Protein backbone atom coordinates (compact mmCIF):
# COMPACT_ATOMS: atom_id res chain seq x y z
CA MET A 1 -26.02 9.00 -9.02
CA ARG A 2 -23.56 6.90 -6.28
CA HIS A 3 -26.51 5.57 -4.97
CA MET A 4 -27.70 3.39 -8.62
CA PHE A 5 -25.07 1.48 -8.44
CA PHE A 6 -26.53 0.29 -4.91
CA ARG A 7 -29.59 -0.31 -5.94
CA LEU A 8 -28.68 -3.42 -9.05
CA THR A 9 -32.38 -5.86 -8.94
CA THR A 10 -31.41 -9.41 -9.28
CA ARG A 11 -32.09 -8.77 -12.89
CA TRP A 12 -29.91 -6.11 -13.73
CA ALA A 13 -27.34 -7.97 -11.48
CA ALA A 14 -27.32 -11.33 -13.09
CA GLY A 15 -27.59 -9.91 -16.34
CA LEU A 16 -23.90 -6.97 -15.59
CA VAL A 17 -22.35 -10.95 -14.81
CA VAL A 18 -23.46 -11.91 -17.99
CA LEU A 19 -22.24 -9.37 -20.36
CA LEU A 20 -18.96 -9.04 -18.15
CA ALA A 21 -18.23 -12.45 -19.16
CA VAL A 22 -18.72 -11.42 -23.05
CA THR A 23 -16.03 -9.03 -21.93
CA GLY A 24 -14.12 -10.43 -21.25
CA MET A 25 -14.30 -8.29 -17.47
CA ALA A 26 -12.88 -9.89 -14.35
CA VAL A 27 -14.94 -11.23 -11.88
CA ALA A 28 -14.42 -12.15 -8.51
CA ALA A 29 -14.69 -16.25 -7.96
CA ASP A 30 -17.04 -17.49 -5.66
CA THR A 31 -15.19 -18.84 -3.23
CA ALA A 32 -12.61 -16.69 -1.65
CA SER A 33 -9.51 -16.32 -1.52
CA PRO A 34 -7.11 -16.90 1.71
CA TYR A 35 -5.39 -13.64 0.43
CA ARG A 36 -5.47 -10.20 -0.03
CA ILE A 37 -5.12 -8.39 -2.87
CA VAL A 38 -4.83 -4.20 -1.82
CA GLY A 39 -4.30 -0.90 -3.98
CA TYR A 40 -4.42 2.62 -3.24
CA ALA A 41 -5.20 4.36 -5.74
CA THR A 42 -4.67 7.99 -6.49
CA GLY A 43 -7.39 8.17 -9.28
CA TRP A 44 -8.87 4.85 -11.71
CA ASP A 45 -8.50 4.24 -15.20
CA PRO A 46 -11.43 2.84 -17.09
CA ALA A 47 -9.72 0.05 -18.48
CA GLN A 48 -8.09 -1.33 -15.56
CA THR A 49 -11.71 -2.38 -15.25
CA LYS A 50 -11.83 -4.97 -16.64
CA ASP A 51 -8.98 -6.51 -14.15
CA VAL A 52 -10.86 -5.21 -10.74
CA GLY A 53 -12.23 -8.71 -10.08
CA LYS A 54 -8.48 -9.74 -9.03
CA ILE A 55 -8.26 -6.54 -6.62
CA ASP A 56 -9.93 -7.32 -2.92
CA THR A 57 -9.47 -3.58 -1.27
CA LEU A 58 -8.96 -0.23 -3.40
CA ILE A 59 -7.11 1.92 -0.02
CA PHE A 60 -8.16 6.14 -1.60
CA ALA A 61 -5.13 8.29 -1.80
CA PHE A 62 -5.46 10.11 0.26
CA ALA A 63 -7.80 12.56 2.94
CA GLN A 64 -6.46 14.98 4.50
CA LEU A 65 -6.20 16.43 7.82
CA LYS A 66 -7.69 20.07 8.04
CA ASP A 67 -7.13 21.30 11.33
CA GLY A 68 -7.43 17.87 13.15
CA ARG A 69 -10.76 16.85 10.85
CA VAL A 70 -10.81 13.88 8.17
CA VAL A 71 -12.33 15.88 5.39
CA VAL A 72 -12.44 14.45 1.64
CA ASP A 73 -12.52 17.40 -0.50
CA ASP A 74 -15.21 17.71 -3.65
CA ASN A 75 -12.34 17.02 -5.64
CA ARG A 76 -11.85 14.09 -3.85
CA ALA A 77 -14.86 13.04 -3.17
CA LYS A 78 -15.53 12.89 -7.20
CA THR A 79 -12.62 10.24 -7.51
CA LEU A 80 -13.45 8.08 -4.67
CA GLN A 81 -17.12 7.78 -5.32
CA THR A 82 -15.36 6.45 -8.89
CA LEU A 83 -13.73 4.02 -7.33
CA LEU A 84 -16.70 2.82 -5.37
CA ALA A 85 -18.97 2.58 -8.08
CA LEU A 86 -16.72 -0.35 -9.21
CA LYS A 87 -18.38 -2.28 -6.48
CA SER A 88 -21.02 -2.50 -9.98
CA ALA A 89 -17.98 -5.12 -12.20
CA ASN A 90 -17.52 -6.28 -8.27
CA PRO A 91 -19.39 -6.38 -5.57
CA LYS A 92 -17.32 -8.20 -2.86
CA LEU A 93 -14.64 -5.03 -3.41
CA THR A 94 -13.81 -3.10 -0.25
CA VAL A 95 -13.22 0.23 -1.13
CA THR A 96 -11.80 2.10 1.56
CA VAL A 97 -10.20 5.64 2.71
CA SER A 98 -6.30 6.67 3.50
CA VAL A 99 -6.37 9.50 5.50
CA GLY A 100 -2.17 10.69 5.64
CA GLY A 101 0.74 9.56 3.26
CA TRP A 102 4.32 11.11 2.99
CA SER A 103 4.88 14.19 4.47
CA VAL A 104 1.33 15.25 5.98
CA GLY A 105 1.68 16.65 9.18
CA GLY A 106 -1.25 17.69 12.00
CA PHE A 107 -1.63 14.13 13.27
CA SER A 108 0.95 14.26 16.19
CA GLU A 109 -1.09 17.48 17.57
CA ALA A 110 -4.07 15.85 16.66
CA ALA A 111 -3.06 12.68 18.84
CA SER A 112 -1.97 15.07 21.52
CA THR A 113 -5.77 15.44 23.47
CA ALA A 114 -8.29 13.40 24.02
CA ALA A 115 -10.72 16.30 22.55
CA GLY A 116 -8.27 16.27 19.04
CA ARG A 117 -8.40 11.92 18.68
CA GLN A 118 -12.52 12.16 19.30
CA GLN A 119 -12.38 14.82 16.54
CA PHE A 120 -10.23 12.59 14.52
CA ALA A 121 -12.01 9.10 14.83
CA ASP A 122 -15.36 10.85 15.00
CA SER A 123 -14.77 13.31 11.49
CA ALA A 124 -13.23 10.24 9.58
CA ALA A 125 -16.38 7.94 10.78
CA GLN A 126 -18.63 10.75 9.64
CA MET A 127 -16.53 11.16 6.48
CA LEU A 128 -16.86 7.50 5.81
CA SER A 129 -20.98 7.41 6.83
CA THR A 130 -21.49 9.68 4.06
CA GLN A 131 -19.13 8.47 1.48
CA HIS A 132 -19.97 5.66 1.59
CA ALA A 133 -17.16 3.89 2.00
CA ASP A 134 -15.77 0.35 3.81
CA GLY A 135 -13.06 1.60 6.00
CA LEU A 136 -10.77 3.55 7.53
CA ASP A 137 -6.40 3.68 6.65
CA VAL A 138 -4.57 6.02 8.45
CA ASP A 139 -0.97 6.54 7.57
CA TRP A 140 1.21 8.37 9.82
CA GLU A 141 4.67 8.64 8.39
CA TYR A 142 5.53 8.04 11.13
CA PRO A 143 4.45 8.77 14.96
CA GLY A 144 7.39 10.09 17.45
CA HIS A 145 9.80 11.14 13.86
CA HIS A 146 9.94 13.50 11.54
CA GLU A 147 11.99 12.58 8.47
CA SER A 148 9.56 14.49 6.34
CA GLY A 149 9.45 17.54 7.58
CA ILE A 150 5.84 17.05 10.42
CA LYS A 151 6.33 17.78 13.67
CA SER A 152 6.33 15.02 15.95
CA SER A 153 6.57 14.46 20.44
CA ALA A 154 7.81 12.45 22.74
CA ASP A 155 4.47 11.06 23.69
CA ASP A 156 3.76 10.03 19.73
CA LYS A 157 3.92 6.65 21.13
CA ALA A 158 0.83 6.70 23.85
CA ASN A 159 -0.91 9.02 21.75
CA PHE A 160 -0.92 6.38 18.23
CA THR A 161 -2.04 4.01 20.32
CA LEU A 162 -5.02 6.57 21.87
CA LEU A 163 -5.72 7.52 18.87
CA LEU A 164 -7.13 4.23 17.12
CA LYS A 165 -8.31 3.29 20.36
CA THR A 166 -10.54 6.33 19.74
CA ILE A 167 -10.74 5.39 15.52
CA ARG A 168 -11.90 2.92 16.55
CA ALA A 169 -15.35 2.58 19.40
CA SER A 170 -16.18 5.28 16.62
CA LEU A 171 -16.27 3.11 13.38
CA ASP A 172 -17.99 1.05 15.89
CA ARG A 173 -20.51 3.57 16.32
CA ALA A 174 -20.72 4.27 13.07
CA GLY A 175 -21.01 0.95 12.03
CA GLN A 176 -23.86 0.32 14.26
CA LYS A 177 -25.85 2.85 12.71
CA ASP A 178 -25.50 1.83 9.46
CA GLY A 179 -25.34 -1.28 9.52
CA LYS A 180 -21.93 -2.77 8.75
CA HIS A 181 -18.67 -3.17 9.86
CA TYR A 182 -15.85 -0.10 9.01
CA ALA A 183 -12.47 -1.81 8.88
CA LEU A 184 -9.56 -0.43 10.54
CA SER A 185 -5.92 -0.70 8.82
CA VAL A 186 -2.48 1.39 9.03
CA ALA A 187 0.17 1.63 6.51
CA ILE A 188 4.34 1.54 8.71
CA ALA A 189 7.05 0.82 7.61
CA ASP A 190 9.64 -1.30 9.55
CA GLY A 191 12.36 -1.30 10.92
CA PRO A 192 13.91 1.61 12.95
CA PHE A 193 10.74 3.88 11.89
CA VAL A 194 8.30 2.14 13.79
CA SER A 195 10.79 2.28 17.08
CA ASP A 196 7.88 4.53 18.06
CA ILE A 197 4.93 2.45 17.81
CA ASP A 198 3.18 0.07 20.18
CA ILE A 199 2.39 -3.06 17.69
CA PRO A 200 1.13 -5.60 20.40
CA ALA A 201 -1.31 -2.34 21.85
CA ILE A 202 -2.57 -1.64 18.59
CA ASN A 203 -3.36 -4.82 16.93
CA PRO A 204 -6.22 -6.02 19.03
CA LEU A 205 -7.06 -2.35 16.98
CA LEU A 206 -6.81 -3.46 13.71
CA ASP A 207 -8.31 -5.38 10.46
CA TRP A 208 -4.89 -5.40 8.55
CA PHE A 209 -1.65 -4.04 8.52
CA ASN A 210 -0.35 -2.49 5.19
CA LEU A 211 3.41 -3.01 5.68
CA MET A 212 5.20 -0.75 3.00
CA THR A 213 8.27 -3.07 2.40
CA TYR A 214 9.44 -0.68 -0.44
CA ASP A 215 11.99 2.11 -0.35
CA PHE A 216 14.02 0.95 1.74
CA VAL A 217 16.25 2.56 -0.20
CA ASN A 218 16.27 5.77 -1.55
CA SER A 219 16.98 9.76 -1.47
CA ASN A 220 18.90 9.28 2.47
CA THR A 221 19.78 6.43 1.93
CA PRO A 222 23.61 6.45 1.96
CA THR A 223 23.82 3.57 -0.30
CA THR A 224 21.30 1.66 -3.95
CA GLY A 225 20.46 -1.77 -2.52
CA HIS A 226 16.66 -3.61 -3.21
CA HIS A 227 14.21 -1.25 -2.77
CA THR A 228 12.08 -3.09 -2.13
CA GLY A 229 14.14 -6.74 -2.24
CA LEU A 230 11.91 -9.14 -0.29
CA HIS A 231 15.62 -11.23 0.98
CA ALA A 232 18.78 -9.98 2.35
CA SER A 233 21.45 -9.68 -0.76
CA PRO A 234 24.58 -11.11 0.06
CA LEU A 235 26.03 -7.30 -0.76
CA ILE A 236 23.05 -5.47 2.70
CA LYS A 237 24.92 -4.23 5.87
CA GLY A 238 24.37 -4.94 8.54
CA ASP A 239 19.96 -4.78 9.61
CA GLY A 240 19.80 -3.40 6.36
CA ARG A 241 16.26 -3.59 4.88
CA THR A 242 13.38 -6.26 3.64
CA THR A 243 10.95 -7.18 2.95
CA ASP A 244 11.38 -11.62 4.74
CA ARG A 245 12.70 -8.80 7.99
CA ALA A 246 10.18 -6.47 8.50
CA VAL A 247 7.41 -9.53 8.14
CA GLN A 248 9.44 -11.39 11.19
CA GLN A 249 9.83 -7.29 13.16
CA PHE A 250 6.02 -8.19 13.15
CA LEU A 251 5.47 -11.70 14.35
CA ALA A 252 7.81 -11.14 16.53
CA ALA A 253 5.10 -7.98 18.15
CA ASP A 254 2.93 -10.79 18.39
CA VAL A 255 0.80 -9.69 15.08
CA PRO A 256 -1.22 -13.26 13.24
CA ALA A 257 0.61 -13.66 9.92
CA GLN A 258 -2.89 -13.59 8.67
CA LYS A 259 -2.74 -9.56 9.66
CA LEU A 260 0.34 -8.58 7.40
CA VAL A 261 -0.12 -7.63 3.97
CA ILE A 262 3.42 -6.62 2.21
CA GLY A 263 4.47 -4.36 -0.41
CA ALA A 264 4.61 -4.37 -3.59
CA ALA A 265 6.28 -1.61 -6.25
CA LEU A 266 4.52 -0.19 -9.57
CA TYR A 267 7.60 1.55 -10.15
CA GLY A 268 11.50 1.52 -10.10
CA ARG A 269 14.25 4.55 -8.42
CA GLU A 270 16.91 5.42 -10.19
CA PHE A 271 20.14 6.62 -9.01
CA ALA A 272 23.23 7.79 -10.58
CA ASP A 273 26.81 8.42 -9.98
CA VAL A 274 26.84 5.28 -8.68
CA HIS A 275 29.94 3.78 -7.07
CA ALA A 276 31.01 0.95 -10.27
CA ASP A 277 31.79 -1.72 -7.60
CA HIS A 278 28.98 -5.14 -8.11
CA ASP A 279 27.43 -2.97 -10.86
CA GLY A 280 26.57 -0.58 -8.20
CA LEU A 281 24.30 -2.36 -6.07
CA TYR A 282 24.61 -1.66 -2.06
CA GLN A 283 26.97 0.76 -3.65
CA THR A 284 27.90 5.07 -2.73
CA TYR A 285 25.74 7.27 -4.97
CA GLY A 286 25.97 11.13 -6.28
CA HIS A 287 22.45 12.02 -6.40
CA PHE A 288 19.06 10.22 -6.17
CA VAL A 289 16.73 10.82 -10.19
CA ASN A 290 13.60 10.08 -10.21
CA MET A 291 10.71 7.88 -10.11
CA LEU A 292 10.05 5.40 -12.01
CA ASN A 293 6.81 3.38 -13.30
CA TRP A 294 5.72 0.05 -14.92
CA PRO A 295 5.29 1.32 -17.64
CA ASP A 296 8.49 3.45 -18.47
CA LEU A 297 10.89 -0.09 -17.06
CA LYS A 298 9.30 -1.94 -19.35
CA GLN A 299 10.17 0.31 -22.93
CA HIS A 300 12.70 2.10 -22.20
CA TYR A 301 14.80 0.79 -19.29
CA ILE A 302 14.82 -2.36 -18.64
CA ASN A 303 17.43 -3.99 -21.47
CA LYS A 304 17.71 -0.74 -22.97
CA GLN A 305 19.45 1.99 -23.91
CA GLY A 306 22.66 0.30 -21.69
CA TYR A 307 20.66 -0.95 -18.99
CA VAL A 308 21.01 -4.26 -18.24
CA ARG A 309 18.94 -6.78 -15.74
CA HIS A 310 20.44 -8.26 -13.20
CA TRP A 311 17.93 -10.26 -10.94
CA ASP A 312 19.66 -11.83 -7.26
CA ASP A 313 18.63 -15.12 -6.62
CA VAL A 314 19.04 -14.37 -3.00
CA ALA A 315 16.97 -11.73 -2.13
CA LYS A 316 14.64 -12.35 -5.32
CA ALA A 317 14.72 -8.80 -6.98
CA PRO A 318 16.38 -7.27 -9.88
CA TRP A 319 18.32 -3.81 -10.35
CA LEU A 320 19.04 -2.48 -13.72
CA TRP A 321 22.28 -1.18 -14.30
CA ASN A 322 24.17 0.69 -16.68
CA ALA A 323 27.76 0.84 -16.78
CA LYS A 324 27.73 3.52 -19.05
CA THR A 325 26.13 6.50 -16.97
CA ARG A 326 26.62 4.62 -13.89
CA HIS A 327 22.78 4.95 -13.17
CA PHE A 328 21.36 2.26 -11.38
CA ILE A 329 17.38 0.75 -11.22
CA THR A 330 16.23 -0.96 -8.62
CA TYR A 331 12.12 -2.12 -8.94
CA ASP A 332 9.45 -4.80 -8.25
CA ASP A 333 8.90 -6.92 -11.90
CA PRO A 334 6.63 -10.30 -12.62
CA GLN A 335 9.64 -12.03 -11.15
CA SER A 336 10.08 -10.83 -7.76
CA ILE A 337 5.94 -10.63 -6.90
CA ALA A 338 6.01 -13.71 -8.20
CA ALA A 339 8.63 -15.07 -5.17
CA LYS A 340 6.62 -12.29 -2.80
CA MET A 341 3.44 -14.34 -3.48
CA ALA A 342 5.59 -17.79 -2.92
CA TYR A 343 6.92 -16.34 -0.44
CA ILE A 344 3.27 -14.71 1.10
CA LYS A 345 2.65 -18.26 0.97
CA ALA A 346 4.97 -20.51 2.74
CA GLU A 347 4.33 -17.53 5.92
CA HIS A 348 1.12 -17.66 5.80
CA LEU A 349 0.16 -14.50 5.60
CA GLY A 350 -2.83 -11.61 5.54
CA GLY A 351 -1.82 -11.64 1.09
CA ILE A 352 0.12 -8.11 -1.35
CA MET A 353 -0.23 -4.69 -0.95
CA TYR A 354 1.15 -2.24 -3.65
CA TRP A 355 1.48 2.14 -4.42
CA GLU A 356 0.28 3.00 -7.02
CA GLN A 357 -2.81 1.44 -9.51
CA THR A 358 -1.99 4.22 -11.86
CA ASN A 359 1.50 3.09 -11.77
CA ASP A 360 0.48 0.25 -13.80
CA PRO A 361 -2.41 0.41 -15.90
CA ALA A 362 -2.00 -2.36 -18.05
CA ASP A 363 -2.06 -4.41 -14.48
CA GLU A 364 1.04 -6.60 -16.17
CA LEU A 365 1.96 -6.80 -12.38
CA LEU A 366 -1.25 -6.54 -11.04
CA ASP A 367 -1.92 -9.41 -12.62
CA ALA A 368 0.89 -11.19 -11.17
CA MET A 369 0.04 -10.94 -7.99
CA TRP A 370 -3.35 -12.22 -8.59
CA ARG A 371 -2.02 -15.97 -10.71
CA GLY A 372 0.64 -16.26 -7.68
CA LEU A 373 -1.96 -15.90 -4.94
CA ASN A 374 -4.18 -18.27 -6.99
CA LYS A 375 -2.75 -20.51 -9.37
């Protein structure tokens, strides 16, 4: 079944374009946008296929790291093949595979020896070739850090660079055999969380950087705030994290602007027992409550049940405050995403990345990204 999607005859392909046009399914434009829209996807809702032409790259999340090898089990392979099948609707679509994620360990151990790095790299290349995917995204959270509960080492900084060098070489060898270029990207944070990453050294090895410019405030931070804010709010303290500060950090490390893909969140974060000053913004709180996807926010929270929407015109970010319950919610919405798209254009960045495809089943936020980059 997989190969039927890649053996379209000219007549069948022409018919498909007509069919998509009739049914209203989005088709990638002939003139390529200078900006990339990249979406992490743990699955796929068939209703979203109408908008697949708005996406440049889907990153399947996640492959597994088992005994130092990058593998995709049978169940995950089915999901990956569902994403790859979308190339029939958007032939320009790139589908890559991410390995790792929050709390996934084994990276430090695999990267610690030349043999371990080679096994990681070769298994990743073999997996991509077997699955007919287009590249690898390395999501090690984070080299030299153990906040997520994984093992780390003082040698992670050097070993991460060596690991990416080995992966790049293995992907190039596989690409020569398969007649294609396998992309290599990283999911990467900012601020103190890249203290053990040699950004200038890894830059030449990567096709682009997926900047995880979200989760700036979470259950481990002392205050509420904008979890995916673009600029620094007047209330932010010190070197608090923002999207712009992340971008400037990577530009200062000589990463070309067009290789930087900033992040948007298709979900919000809720905090309880929040100090009431400034309607809960950048205030101490009792406990973190939950993550809420975009449809839930729209249906149950935004200007409902006592939650009042506020807008920070400096940070270019919304938040919700419930004065009665003292609950605070930070999130992205079409207005904040439009501001991010304008920022991408002004800074000549590579584009936008988001977590995660199934959190926005009606593609309302995806559409805001596409319009912002293509209007």
